[in-house]
Amino acid sequence: AKRKVMIMDLLNDIEGFNVNDPSGAFYIFPDISAYIGKKHG
């Protein structure tokens, strides 16, 4: 539960990550569709 709060804060700081607040397990499942079509190298 403590780690969940920490990783949500860290991922919410990444532009393009859409993060919900999971109520159980030990996963987080961000929507990263904002990156589709982007490039690097």
PDB file of all heavy atoms in Angstrom:
ATOM      1  N   ALA A   1       0.828  -1.203   0.000  1.00  0.00           N
ATOM      2  CA  ALA A   1       0.000   0.000   0.000  1.00  0.00           C
ATOM      3  C   ALA A   1       0.865   1.256   0.000  1.00  0.00           C
ATOM      4  O   ALA A   1       0.571   2.239  -0.702  1.00  0.00           O
ATOM      5  CB  ALA A   1      -0.931   0.000   1.208  1.00  0.00           C
ATOM      6  N   LYS A   2       1.938   1.226   0.765  1.00  0.00           N
ATOM      7  CA  LYS A   2       2.857   2.367   0.814  1.00  0.00           C
ATOM      8  C   LYS A   2       3.567   2.553  -0.529  1.00  0.00           C
ATOM      9  O   LYS A   2       3.712   3.671  -1.031  1.00  0.00           O
ATOM     10  CB  LYS A   2       3.879   2.137   1.929  1.00  0.00           C
ATOM     11  CG  LYS A   2       4.850   3.281   2.131  1.00  0.00           C
ATOM     12  CD  LYS A   2       5.809   2.973   3.276  1.00  0.00           C
ATOM     13  CE  LYS A   2       6.844   4.075   3.439  1.00  0.00           C
ATOM     14  NZ  LYS A   2       7.832   3.746   4.516  1.00  0.00           N
ATOM     15  N   ARG A   3       3.999   1.443  -1.121  1.00  0.00           N
ATOM     16  CA  ARG A   3       4.674   1.515  -2.421  1.00  0.00           C
ATOM     17  C   ARG A   3       3.725   2.026  -3.503  1.00  0.00           C
ATOM     18  O   ARG A   3       4.144   2.739  -4.415  1.00  0.00           O
ATOM     19  CB  ARG A   3       5.202   0.133  -2.820  1.00  0.00           C
ATOM     20  CG  ARG A   3       6.330  -0.383  -1.957  1.00  0.00           C
ATOM     21  CD  ARG A   3       6.660  -1.795  -2.366  1.00  0.00           C
ATOM     22  NE  ARG A   3       7.603  -2.424  -1.462  1.00  0.00           N
ATOM     23  CZ  ARG A   3       7.966  -3.707  -1.537  1.00  0.00           C
ATOM     24  NH1 ARG A   3       7.462  -4.475  -2.487  1.00  0.00           N
ATOM     25  NH2 ARG A   3       8.824  -4.214  -0.683  1.00  0.00           N
ATOM     26  N   LYS A   4       2.466   1.640  -3.411  1.00  0.00           N
ATOM     27  CA  LYS A   4       1.493   2.087  -4.412  1.00  0.00           C
ATOM     28  C   LYS A   4       1.429   3.603  -4.447  1.00  0.00           C
ATOM     29  O   LYS A   4       1.431   4.232  -5.521  1.00  0.00           O
ATOM     30  CB  LYS A   4       0.110   1.506  -4.116  1.00  0.00           C
ATOM     31  CG  LYS A   4      -0.930   1.891  -5.160  1.00  0.00           C
ATOM     32  CD  LYS A   4      -2.349   1.636  -4.692  1.00  0.00           C
ATOM     33  CE  LYS A   4      -2.834   2.724  -3.758  1.00  0.00           C
ATOM     34  NZ  LYS A   4      -4.301   2.675  -3.540  1.00  0.00           N
ATOM     35  N   VAL A   5       1.349   4.222  -3.283  1.00  0.00           N
ATOM     36  CA  VAL A   5       1.291   5.685  -3.211  1.00  0.00           C
ATOM     37  C   VAL A   5       2.548   6.293  -3.826  1.00  0.00           C
ATOM     38  O   VAL A   5       2.481   7.260  -4.596  1.00  0.00           O
ATOM     39  CB  VAL A   5       1.120   6.147  -1.750  1.00  0.00           C
ATOM     40  CG1 VAL A   5       1.224   7.668  -1.656  1.00  0.00           C
ATOM     41  CG2 VAL A   5      -0.213   5.664  -1.188  1.00  0.00           C
ATOM     42  N   MET A   6       3.692   5.692  -3.522  1.00  0.00           N
ATOM     43  CA  MET A   6       4.957   6.208  -4.034  1.00  0.00           C
ATOM     44  C   MET A   6       5.028   6.110  -5.552  1.00  0.00           C
ATOM     45  O   MET A   6       5.372   7.089  -6.234  1.00  0.00           O
ATOM     46  CB  MET A   6       6.129   5.439  -3.417  1.00  0.00           C
ATOM     47  CG  MET A   6       7.491   5.894  -3.922  1.00  0.00           C
ATOM     48  SD  MET A   6       8.850   4.980  -3.143  1.00  0.00           S
ATOM     49  CE  MET A   6       8.578   3.339  -3.791  1.00  0.00           C
ATOM     50  N   ILE A   7       4.681   4.938  -6.111  1.00  0.00           N
ATOM     51  CA  ILE A   7       4.823   4.773  -7.554  1.00  0.00           C
ATOM     52  C   ILE A   7       3.778   5.599  -8.298  1.00  0.00           C
ATOM     53  O   ILE A   7       4.047   6.119  -9.390  1.00  0.00           O
ATOM     54  CB  ILE A   7       4.766   3.277  -7.959  1.00  0.00           C
ATOM     55  CG1 ILE A   7       5.297   3.109  -9.394  1.00  0.00           C
ATOM     56  CG2 ILE A   7       3.363   2.707  -7.832  1.00  0.00           C
ATOM     57  CD1 ILE A   7       5.519   1.661  -9.791  1.00  0.00           C
ATOM     58  N   MET A   8       2.599   5.786  -7.717  1.00  0.00           N
ATOM     59  CA  MET A   8       1.603   6.657  -8.353  1.00  0.00           C
ATOM     60  C   MET A   8       2.126   8.082  -8.454  1.00  0.00           C
ATOM     61  O   MET A   8       1.985   8.746  -9.492  1.00  0.00           O
ATOM     62  CB  MET A   8       0.295   6.633  -7.558  1.00  0.00           C
ATOM     63  CG  MET A   8      -0.557   5.401  -7.789  1.00  0.00           C
ATOM     64  SD  MET A   8      -2.124   5.508  -6.876  1.00  0.00           S
ATOM     65  CE  MET A   8      -2.869   6.943  -7.654  1.00  0.00           C
ATOM     66  N   ASP A   9       2.745   8.564  -7.378  1.00  0.00           N
ATOM     67  CA  ASP A   9       3.301   9.921  -7.401  1.00  0.00           C
ATOM     68  C   ASP A   9       4.391  10.042  -8.463  1.00  0.00           C
ATOM     69  O   ASP A   9       4.455  11.039  -9.198  1.00  0.00           O
ATOM     70  CB  ASP A   9       3.876  10.271  -6.025  1.00  0.00           C
ATOM     71  CG  ASP A   9       2.803  10.530  -4.985  1.00  0.00           C
ATOM     72  OD1 ASP A   9       1.639  10.748  -5.374  1.00  0.00           O
ATOM     73  OD2 ASP A   9       3.123  10.505  -3.777  1.00  0.00           O
ATOM     74  N   LEU A  10       5.248   9.028  -8.551  1.00  0.00           N
ATOM     75  CA  LEU A  10       6.346   9.071  -9.522  1.00  0.00           C
ATOM     76  C   LEU A  10       5.840   9.020 -10.957  1.00  0.00           C
ATOM     77  O   LEU A  10       6.314   9.752 -11.824  1.00  0.00           O
ATOM     78  CB  LEU A  10       7.311   7.902  -9.251  1.00  0.00           C
ATOM     79  CG  LEU A  10       8.105   7.988  -7.950  1.00  0.00           C
ATOM     80  CD1 LEU A  10       8.771   6.649  -7.643  1.00  0.00           C
ATOM     81  CD2 LEU A  10       9.166   9.090  -8.028  1.00  0.00           C
ATOM     82  N   LEU A  11       4.851   8.167 -11.217  1.00  0.00           N
ATOM     83  CA  LEU A  11       4.344   8.023 -12.584  1.00  0.00           C
ATOM     84  C   LEU A  11       3.476   9.209 -12.989  1.00  0.00           C
ATOM     85  O   LEU A  11       3.445   9.595 -14.165  1.00  0.00           O
ATOM     86  CB  LEU A  11       3.565   6.721 -12.722  1.00  0.00           C
ATOM     87  CG  LEU A  11       4.386   5.428 -12.582  1.00  0.00           C
ATOM     88  CD1 LEU A  11       3.477   4.202 -12.679  1.00  0.00           C
ATOM     89  CD2 LEU A  11       5.489   5.349 -13.629  1.00  0.00           C
ATOM     90  N   ASN A  12       2.776   9.779 -12.042  1.00  0.00           N
ATOM     91  CA  ASN A  12       1.958  10.963 -12.354  1.00  0.00           C
ATOM     92  C   ASN A  12       2.826  12.163 -12.737  1.00  0.00           C
ATOM     93  O   ASN A  12       2.331  13.131 -13.323  1.00  0.00           O
ATOM     94  CB  ASN A  12       1.070  11.330 -11.162  1.00  0.00           C
ATOM     95  CG  ASN A  12      -0.227  10.541 -11.140  1.00  0.00           C
ATOM     96  OD1 ASN A  12      -0.827  10.302 -12.181  1.00  0.00           O
ATOM     97  ND2 ASN A  12      -0.656  10.119  -9.961  1.00  0.00           N
ATOM     98  N   ASP A  13       4.102  12.080 -12.415  1.00  0.00           N
ATOM     99  CA  ASP A  13       5.043  13.143 -12.755  1.00  0.00           C
ATOM    100  C   ASP A  13       5.594  12.993 -14.169  1.00  0.00           C
ATOM    101  O   ASP A  13       6.390  13.820 -14.610  1.00  0.00           O
ATOM    102  CB  ASP A  13       6.201  13.140 -11.735  1.00  0.00           C
ATOM    103  CG  ASP A  13       7.039  14.409 -11.799  1.00  0.00           C
ATOM    104  OD1 ASP A  13       6.448  15.494 -11.932  1.00  0.00           O
ATOM    105  OD2 ASP A  13       8.281  14.304 -11.744  1.00  0.00           O
ATOM    106  N   ILE A  14       5.179  11.899 -14.862  1.00  0.00           N
ATOM    107  CA  ILE A  14       5.636  11.680 -16.238  1.00  0.00           C
ATOM    108  C   ILE A  14       4.540  12.127 -17.196  1.00  0.00           C
ATOM    109  O   ILE A  14       3.435  11.575 -17.202  1.00  0.00           O
ATOM    110  CB  ILE A  14       5.969  10.189 -16.482  1.00  0.00           C
ATOM    111  CG1 ILE A  14       7.014   9.687 -15.466  1.00  0.00           C
ATOM    112  CG2 ILE A  14       6.487   9.985 -17.909  1.00  0.00           C
ATOM    113  CD1 ILE A  14       7.321   8.198 -15.577  1.00  0.00           C
ATOM    114  N   GLU A  15       4.828  13.134 -17.991  1.00  0.00           N
ATOM    115  CA  GLU A  15       3.840  13.630 -18.936  1.00  0.00           C
ATOM    116  C   GLU A  15       3.486  12.538 -19.953  1.00  0.00           C
ATOM    117  O   GLU A  15       4.353  11.879 -20.507  1.00  0.00           O
ATOM    118  CB  GLU A  15       4.392  14.855 -19.681  1.00  0.00           C
ATOM    119  CG  GLU A  15       3.376  15.526 -20.570  1.00  0.00           C
ATOM    120  CD  GLU A  15       3.916  16.781 -21.236  1.00  0.00           C
ATOM    121  OE1 GLU A  15       5.051  17.195 -20.899  1.00  0.00           O
ATOM    122  OE2 GLU A  15       3.205  17.342 -22.095  1.00  0.00           O
ATOM    123  N   GLY A  16       2.195  12.342 -20.152  1.00  0.00           N
ATOM    124  CA  GLY A  16       1.746  11.305 -21.078  1.00  0.00           C
ATOM    125  C   GLY A  16       1.295  10.033 -20.392  1.00  0.00           C
ATOM    126  O   GLY A  16       0.695   9.163 -21.021  1.00  0.00           O
ATOM    127  N   PHE A  17       1.576   9.899 -19.082  1.00  0.00           N
ATOM    128  CA  PHE A  17       1.111   8.750 -18.314  1.00  0.00           C
ATOM    129  C   PHE A  17      -0.229   9.095 -17.672  1.00  0.00           C
ATOM    130  O   PHE A  17      -0.338  10.088 -16.947  1.00  0.00           O
ATOM    131  CB  PHE A  17       2.116   8.386 -17.217  1.00  0.00           C
ATOM    132  CG  PHE A  17       3.169   7.417 -17.656  1.00  0.00           C
ATOM    133  CD1 PHE A  17       4.001   7.713 -18.727  1.00  0.00           C
ATOM    134  CD2 PHE A  17       3.351   6.197 -17.003  1.00  0.00           C
ATOM    135  CE1 PHE A  17       4.986   6.829 -19.134  1.00  0.00           C
ATOM    136  CE2 PHE A  17       4.326   5.311 -17.402  1.00  0.00           C
ATOM    137  CZ  PHE A  17       5.145   5.622 -18.480  1.00  0.00           C
ATOM    138  N   ASN A  18      -1.245   8.283 -17.938  1.00  0.00           N
ATOM    139  CA  ASN A  18      -2.555   8.428 -17.308  1.00  0.00           C
ATOM    140  C   ASN A  18      -2.706   7.288 -16.311  1.00  0.00           C
ATOM    141  O   ASN A  18      -2.760   6.113 -16.700  1.00  0.00           O
ATOM    142  CB  ASN A  18      -3.653   8.375 -18.369  1.00  0.00           C
ATOM    143  CG  ASN A  18      -5.023   8.701 -17.801  1.00  0.00           C
ATOM    144  OD1 ASN A  18      -5.159   9.065 -16.637  1.00  0.00           O
ATOM    145  ND2 ASN A  18      -6.055   8.562 -18.626  1.00  0.00           N
ATOM    146  N   VAL A  19      -2.732   7.616 -15.026  1.00  0.00           N
ATOM    147  CA  VAL A  19      -2.646   6.606 -13.964  1.00  0.00           C
ATOM    148  C   VAL A  19      -3.905   6.644 -13.108  1.00  0.00           C
ATOM    149  O   VAL A  19      -4.329   7.715 -12.663  1.00  0.00           O
ATOM    150  CB  VAL A  19      -1.408   6.874 -13.077  1.00  0.00           C
ATOM    151  CG1 VAL A  19      -1.277   5.807 -12.006  1.00  0.00           C
ATOM    152  CG2 VAL A  19      -0.136   6.933 -13.922  1.00  0.00           C
ATOM    153  N   ASN A  20      -4.503   5.473 -12.886  1.00  0.00           N
ATOM    154  CA  ASN A  20      -5.624   5.405 -11.947  1.00  0.00           C
ATOM    155  C   ASN A  20      -5.117   4.936 -10.586  1.00  0.00           C
ATOM    156  O   ASN A  20      -3.925   4.688 -10.406  1.00  0.00           O
ATOM    157  CB  ASN A  20      -6.733   4.493 -12.471  1.00  0.00           C
ATOM    158  CG  ASN A  20      -6.350   3.033 -12.463  1.00  0.00           C
ATOM    159  OD1 ASN A  20      -5.201   2.690 -12.714  1.00  0.00           O
ATOM    160  ND2 ASN A  20      -7.307   2.158 -12.192  1.00  0.00           N
ATOM    161  N   ASP A  21      -6.019   4.813  -9.635  1.00  0.00           N
ATOM    162  CA  ASP A  21      -5.655   4.437  -8.269  1.00  0.00           C
ATOM    163  C   ASP A  21      -6.127   3.011  -7.997  1.00  0.00           C
ATOM    164  O   ASP A  21      -7.286   2.793  -7.658  1.00  0.00           O
ATOM    165  CB  ASP A  21      -6.297   5.406  -7.275  1.00  0.00           C
ATOM    166  CG  ASP A  21      -5.856   5.164  -5.834  1.00  0.00           C
ATOM    167  OD1 ASP A  21      -5.101   4.194  -5.601  1.00  0.00           O
ATOM    168  OD2 ASP A  21      -6.261   5.936  -4.956  1.00  0.00           O
ATOM    169  N   PRO A  22      -5.242   2.013  -8.153  1.00  0.00           N
ATOM    170  CA  PRO A  22      -5.660   0.618  -7.946  1.00  0.00           C
ATOM    171  C   PRO A  22      -5.963   0.336  -6.475  1.00  0.00           C
ATOM    172  O   PRO A  22      -5.338   0.904  -5.580  1.00  0.00           O
ATOM    173  CB  PRO A  22      -4.451  -0.188  -8.429  1.00  0.00           C
ATOM    174  CG  PRO A  22      -3.290   0.735  -8.292  1.00  0.00           C
ATOM    175  CD  PRO A  22      -3.820   2.120  -8.524  1.00  0.00           C
ATOM    176  N   SER A  23      -6.910  -0.547  -6.248  1.00  0.00           N
ATOM    177  CA  SER A  23      -7.365  -0.848  -4.887  1.00  0.00           C
ATOM    178  C   SER A  23      -6.818  -2.153  -4.338  1.00  0.00           C
ATOM    179  O   SER A  23      -7.181  -2.563  -3.233  1.00  0.00           O
ATOM    180  CB  SER A  23      -8.901  -0.894  -4.846  1.00  0.00           C
ATOM    181  OG  SER A  23      -9.436   0.358  -5.192  1.00  0.00           O
ATOM    182  N   GLY A  24      -5.947  -2.833  -5.112  1.00  0.00           N
ATOM    183  CA  GLY A  24      -5.408  -4.096  -4.626  1.00  0.00           C
ATOM    184  C   GLY A  24      -4.283  -4.599  -5.502  1.00  0.00           C
ATOM    185  O   GLY A  24      -3.836  -3.915  -6.435  1.00  0.00           O
ATOM    186  N   ALA A  25      -3.820  -5.813  -5.215  1.00  0.00           N
ATOM    187  CA  ALA A  25      -2.686  -6.456  -5.891  1.00  0.00           C
ATOM    188  C   ALA A  25      -1.442  -5.580  -5.754  1.00  0.00           C
ATOM    189  O   ALA A  25      -1.359  -4.724  -4.870  1.00  0.00           O
ATOM    190  CB  ALA A  25      -3.012  -6.773  -7.344  1.00  0.00           C
ATOM    191  N   PHE A  26      -0.431  -5.813  -6.608  1.00  0.00           N
ATOM    192  CA  PHE A  26       0.778  -4.971  -6.539  1.00  0.00           C
ATOM    193  C   PHE A  26       1.196  -4.533  -7.939  1.00  0.00           C
ATOM    194  O   PHE A  26       2.358  -4.570  -8.304  1.00  0.00           O
ATOM    195  CB  PHE A  26       1.923  -5.666  -5.803  1.00  0.00           C
ATOM    196  CG  PHE A  26       2.104  -7.138  -6.095  1.00  0.00           C
ATOM    197  CD1 PHE A  26       2.471  -7.579  -7.363  1.00  0.00           C
ATOM    198  CD2 PHE A  26       1.925  -8.081  -5.102  1.00  0.00           C
ATOM    199  CE1 PHE A  26       2.644  -8.925  -7.642  1.00  0.00           C
ATOM    200  CE2 PHE A  26       2.097  -9.433  -5.354  1.00  0.00           C
ATOM    201  CZ  PHE A  26       2.467  -9.859  -6.628  1.00  0.00           C
ATOM    202  N   TYR A  27       0.180  -4.097  -8.699  1.00  0.00           N
ATOM    203  CA  TYR A  27       0.413  -3.608 -10.055  1.00  0.00           C
ATOM    204  C   TYR A  27      -0.181  -2.222 -10.225  1.00  0.00           C
ATOM    205  O   TYR A  27      -1.163  -1.861  -9.564  1.00  0.00           O
ATOM    206  CB  TYR A  27      -0.242  -4.527 -11.096  1.00  0.00           C
ATOM    207  CG  TYR A  27       0.122  -5.969 -10.976  1.00  0.00           C
ATOM    208  CD1 TYR A  27      -0.808  -6.903 -10.514  1.00  0.00           C
ATOM    209  CD2 TYR A  27       1.401  -6.426 -11.310  1.00  0.00           C
ATOM    210  CE1 TYR A  27      -0.478  -8.239 -10.400  1.00  0.00           C
ATOM    211  CE2 TYR A  27       1.733  -7.762 -11.191  1.00  0.00           C
ATOM    212  CZ  TYR A  27       0.795  -8.667 -10.734  1.00  0.00           C
ATOM    213  OH  TYR A  27       1.114  -9.991 -10.610  1.00  0.00           O
ATOM    214  N   ILE A  28       0.406  -1.502 -11.166  1.00  0.00           N
ATOM    215  CA  ILE A  28      -0.197  -0.268 -11.634  1.00  0.00           C
ATOM    216  C   ILE A  28      -0.252  -0.365 -13.153  1.00  0.00           C
ATOM    217  O   ILE A  28       0.637  -0.964 -13.772  1.00  0.00           O
ATOM    218  CB  ILE A  28       0.572   0.964 -11.133  1.00  0.00           C
ATOM    219  CG1 ILE A  28      -0.286   2.209 -11.233  1.00  0.00           C
ATOM    220  CG2 ILE A  28       1.919   1.117 -11.799  1.00  0.00           C
ATOM    221  CD1 ILE A  28       0.081   3.277 -10.226  1.00  0.00           C
ATOM    222  N   PHE A  29      -1.304   0.177 -13.749  1.00  0.00           N
ATOM    223  CA  PHE A  29      -1.609  -0.106 -15.150  1.00  0.00           C
ATOM    224  C   PHE A  29      -1.855   1.207 -15.900  1.00  0.00           C
ATOM    225  O   PHE A  29      -2.988   1.519 -16.281  1.00  0.00           O
ATOM    226  CB  PHE A  29      -2.843  -1.011 -15.213  1.00  0.00           C
ATOM    227  CG  PHE A  29      -2.993  -1.802 -16.486  1.00  0.00           C
ATOM    228  CD1 PHE A  29      -2.109  -2.812 -16.829  1.00  0.00           C
ATOM    229  CD2 PHE A  29      -4.061  -1.545 -17.345  1.00  0.00           C
ATOM    230  CE1 PHE A  29      -2.278  -3.553 -17.996  1.00  0.00           C
ATOM    231  CE2 PHE A  29      -4.238  -2.273 -18.509  1.00  0.00           C
ATOM    232  CZ  PHE A  29      -3.337  -3.275 -18.834  1.00  0.00           C
ATOM    233  N   PRO A  30      -0.807   1.985 -16.136  1.00  0.00           N
ATOM    234  CA  PRO A  30      -0.993   3.288 -16.784  1.00  0.00           C
ATOM    235  C   PRO A  30      -1.406   3.167 -18.247  1.00  0.00           C
ATOM    236  O   PRO A  30      -0.977   2.264 -18.957  1.00  0.00           O
ATOM    237  CB  PRO A  30       0.397   3.935 -16.686  1.00  0.00           C
ATOM    238  CG  PRO A  30       1.166   3.117 -15.710  1.00  0.00           C
ATOM    239  CD  PRO A  30       0.588   1.745 -15.775  1.00  0.00           C
ATOM    240  N   ASP A  31      -2.210   4.109 -18.681  1.00  0.00           N
ATOM    241  CA  ASP A  31      -2.517   4.289 -20.100  1.00  0.00           C
ATOM    242  C   ASP A  31      -1.409   5.159 -20.689  1.00  0.00           C
ATOM    243  O   ASP A  31      -1.205   6.296 -20.256  1.00  0.00           O
ATOM    244  CB  ASP A  31      -3.876   4.970 -20.240  1.00  0.00           C
ATOM    245  CG  ASP A  31      -4.327   5.097 -21.689  1.00  0.00           C
ATOM    246  OD1 ASP A  31      -3.475   5.433 -22.544  1.00  0.00           O
ATOM    247  OD2 ASP A  31      -5.509   4.888 -21.965  1.00  0.00           O
ATOM    248  N   ILE A  32      -0.669   4.624 -21.659  1.00  0.00           N
ATOM    249  CA  ILE A  32       0.443   5.363 -22.267  1.00  0.00           C
ATOM    250  C   ILE A  32       0.166   5.620 -23.754  1.00  0.00           C
ATOM    251  O   ILE A  32       1.098   5.826 -24.536  1.00  0.00           O
ATOM    252  CB  ILE A  32       1.792   4.624 -22.079  1.00  0.00           C
ATOM    253  CG1 ILE A  32       1.718   3.146 -22.538  1.00  0.00           C
ATOM    254  CG2 ILE A  32       2.203   4.668 -20.614  1.00  0.00           C
ATOM    255  CD1 ILE A  32       1.996   2.892 -23.970  1.00  0.00           C
ATOM    256  N   SER A  33      -1.111   5.608 -24.116  1.00  0.00           N
ATOM    257  CA  SER A  33      -1.462   5.761 -25.528  1.00  0.00           C
ATOM    258  C   SER A  33      -1.026   7.113 -26.096  1.00  0.00           C
ATOM    259  O   SER A  33      -0.937   7.269 -27.320  1.00  0.00           O
ATOM    260  CB  SER A  33      -2.970   5.563 -25.730  1.00  0.00           C
ATOM    261  OG  SER A  33      -3.721   6.434 -24.905  1.00  0.00           O
ATOM    262  N   ALA A  34      -0.732   8.080 -25.226  1.00  0.00           N
ATOM    263  CA  ALA A  34      -0.251   9.386 -25.694  1.00  0.00           C
ATOM    264  C   ALA A  34       1.090   9.278 -26.415  1.00  0.00           C
ATOM    265  O   ALA A  34       1.466  10.170 -27.176  1.00  0.00           O
ATOM    266  CB  ALA A  34      -0.129  10.349 -24.511  1.00  0.00           C
ATOM    267  N   TYR A  35       1.797   8.175 -26.189  1.00  0.00           N
ATOM    268  CA  TYR A  35       3.106   8.005 -26.825  1.00  0.00           C
ATOM    269  C   TYR A  35       3.031   7.314 -28.184  1.00  0.00           C
ATOM    270  O   TYR A  35       4.044   7.248 -28.891  1.00  0.00           O
ATOM    271  CB  TYR A  35       4.038   7.198 -25.904  1.00  0.00           C
ATOM    272  CG  TYR A  35       4.451   7.965 -24.676  1.00  0.00           C
ATOM    273  CD1 TYR A  35       3.771   7.793 -23.476  1.00  0.00           C
ATOM    274  CD2 TYR A  35       5.495   8.873 -24.715  1.00  0.00           C
ATOM    275  CE1 TYR A  35       4.122   8.508 -22.352  1.00  0.00           C
ATOM    276  CE2 TYR A  35       5.862   9.596 -23.589  1.00  0.00           C
ATOM    277  CZ  TYR A  35       5.166   9.405 -22.401  1.00  0.00           C
ATOM    278  OH  TYR A  35       5.524  10.122 -21.287  1.00  0.00           O
ATOM    279  N   ILE A  36       1.876   6.789 -28.537  1.00  0.00           N
ATOM    280  CA  ILE A  36       1.743   6.103 -29.821  1.00  0.00           C
ATOM    281  C   ILE A  36       1.985   7.114 -30.953  1.00  0.00           C
ATOM    282  O   ILE A  36       1.381   8.179 -30.993  1.00  0.00           O
ATOM    283  CB  ILE A  36       0.355   5.460 -29.969  1.00  0.00           C
ATOM    284  CG1 ILE A  36       0.070   4.518 -28.787  1.00  0.00           C
ATOM    285  CG2 ILE A  36       0.257   4.713 -31.304  1.00  0.00           C
ATOM    286  CD1 ILE A  36       1.044   3.390 -28.627  1.00  0.00           C
ATOM    287  N   GLY A  37       2.899   6.759 -31.862  1.00  0.00           N
ATOM    288  CA  GLY A  37       3.241   7.632 -32.966  1.00  0.00           C
ATOM    289  C   GLY A  37       4.482   8.464 -32.738  1.00  0.00           C
ATOM    290  O   GLY A  37       4.994   9.097 -33.667  1.00  0.00           O
ATOM    291  N   LYS A  38       4.999   8.468 -31.510  1.00  0.00           N
ATOM    292  CA  LYS A  38       6.198   9.258 -31.214  1.00  0.00           C
ATOM    293  C   LYS A  38       7.459   8.461 -31.546  1.00  0.00           C
ATOM    294  O   LYS A  38       7.424   7.236 -31.690  1.00  0.00           O
ATOM    295  CB  LYS A  38       6.195   9.708 -29.756  1.00  0.00           C
ATOM    296  CG  LYS A  38       5.075  10.694 -29.438  1.00  0.00           C
ATOM    297  CD  LYS A  38       5.226  11.312 -28.062  1.00  0.00           C
ATOM    298  CE  LYS A  38       4.170  12.386 -27.835  1.00  0.00           C
ATOM    299  NZ  LYS A  38       4.362  13.083 -26.537  1.00  0.00           N
ATOM    300  N   LYS A  39       8.580   9.183 -31.625  1.00  0.00           N
ATOM    301  CA  LYS A  39       9.842   8.559 -32.047  1.00  0.00           C
ATOM    302  C   LYS A  39      11.002   9.027 -31.194  1.00  0.00           C
ATOM    303  O   LYS A  39      10.972  10.103 -30.591  1.00  0.00           O
ATOM    304  CB  LYS A  39      10.144   8.901 -33.513  1.00  0.00           C
ATOM    305  CG  LYS A  39       9.113   8.460 -34.520  1.00  0.00           C
ATOM    306  CD  LYS A  39       9.527   8.883 -35.933  1.00  0.00           C
ATOM    307  CE  LYS A  39       8.498   8.448 -36.967  1.00  0.00           C
ATOM    308  NZ  LYS A  39       8.918   8.837 -38.341  1.00  0.00           N
ATOM    309  N   HIS A  40      12.031   8.184 -31.162  1.00  0.00           N
ATOM    310  CA  HIS A  40      13.334   8.577 -30.624  1.00  0.00           C
ATOM    311  C   HIS A  40      14.391   7.748 -31.346  1.00  0.00           C
ATOM    312  O   HIS A  40      14.408   6.521 -31.235  1.00  0.00           O
ATOM    313  CB  HIS A  40      13.445   8.345 -29.119  1.00  0.00           C
ATOM    314  CG  HIS A  40      14.823   8.598 -28.597  1.00  0.00           C
ATOM    315  ND1 HIS A  40      15.569   7.630 -27.952  1.00  0.00           N
ATOM    316  CD2 HIS A  40      15.616   9.709 -28.654  1.00  0.00           C
ATOM    317  CE1 HIS A  40      16.753   8.134 -27.621  1.00  0.00           C
ATOM    318  NE2 HIS A  40      16.796   9.395 -28.033  1.00  0.00           N
ATOM    319  N   GLY A  41      15.240   8.413 -32.095  1.00  0.00           N
ATOM    320  CA  GLY A  41      16.260   7.701 -32.845  1.00  0.00           C
ATOM    321  C   GLY A  41      15.633   6.718 -33.811  1.00  0.00           C
ATOM    322  O   GLY A  41      14.764   7.074 -34.616  1.00  0.00           O
TER     323      GLY A  41
END
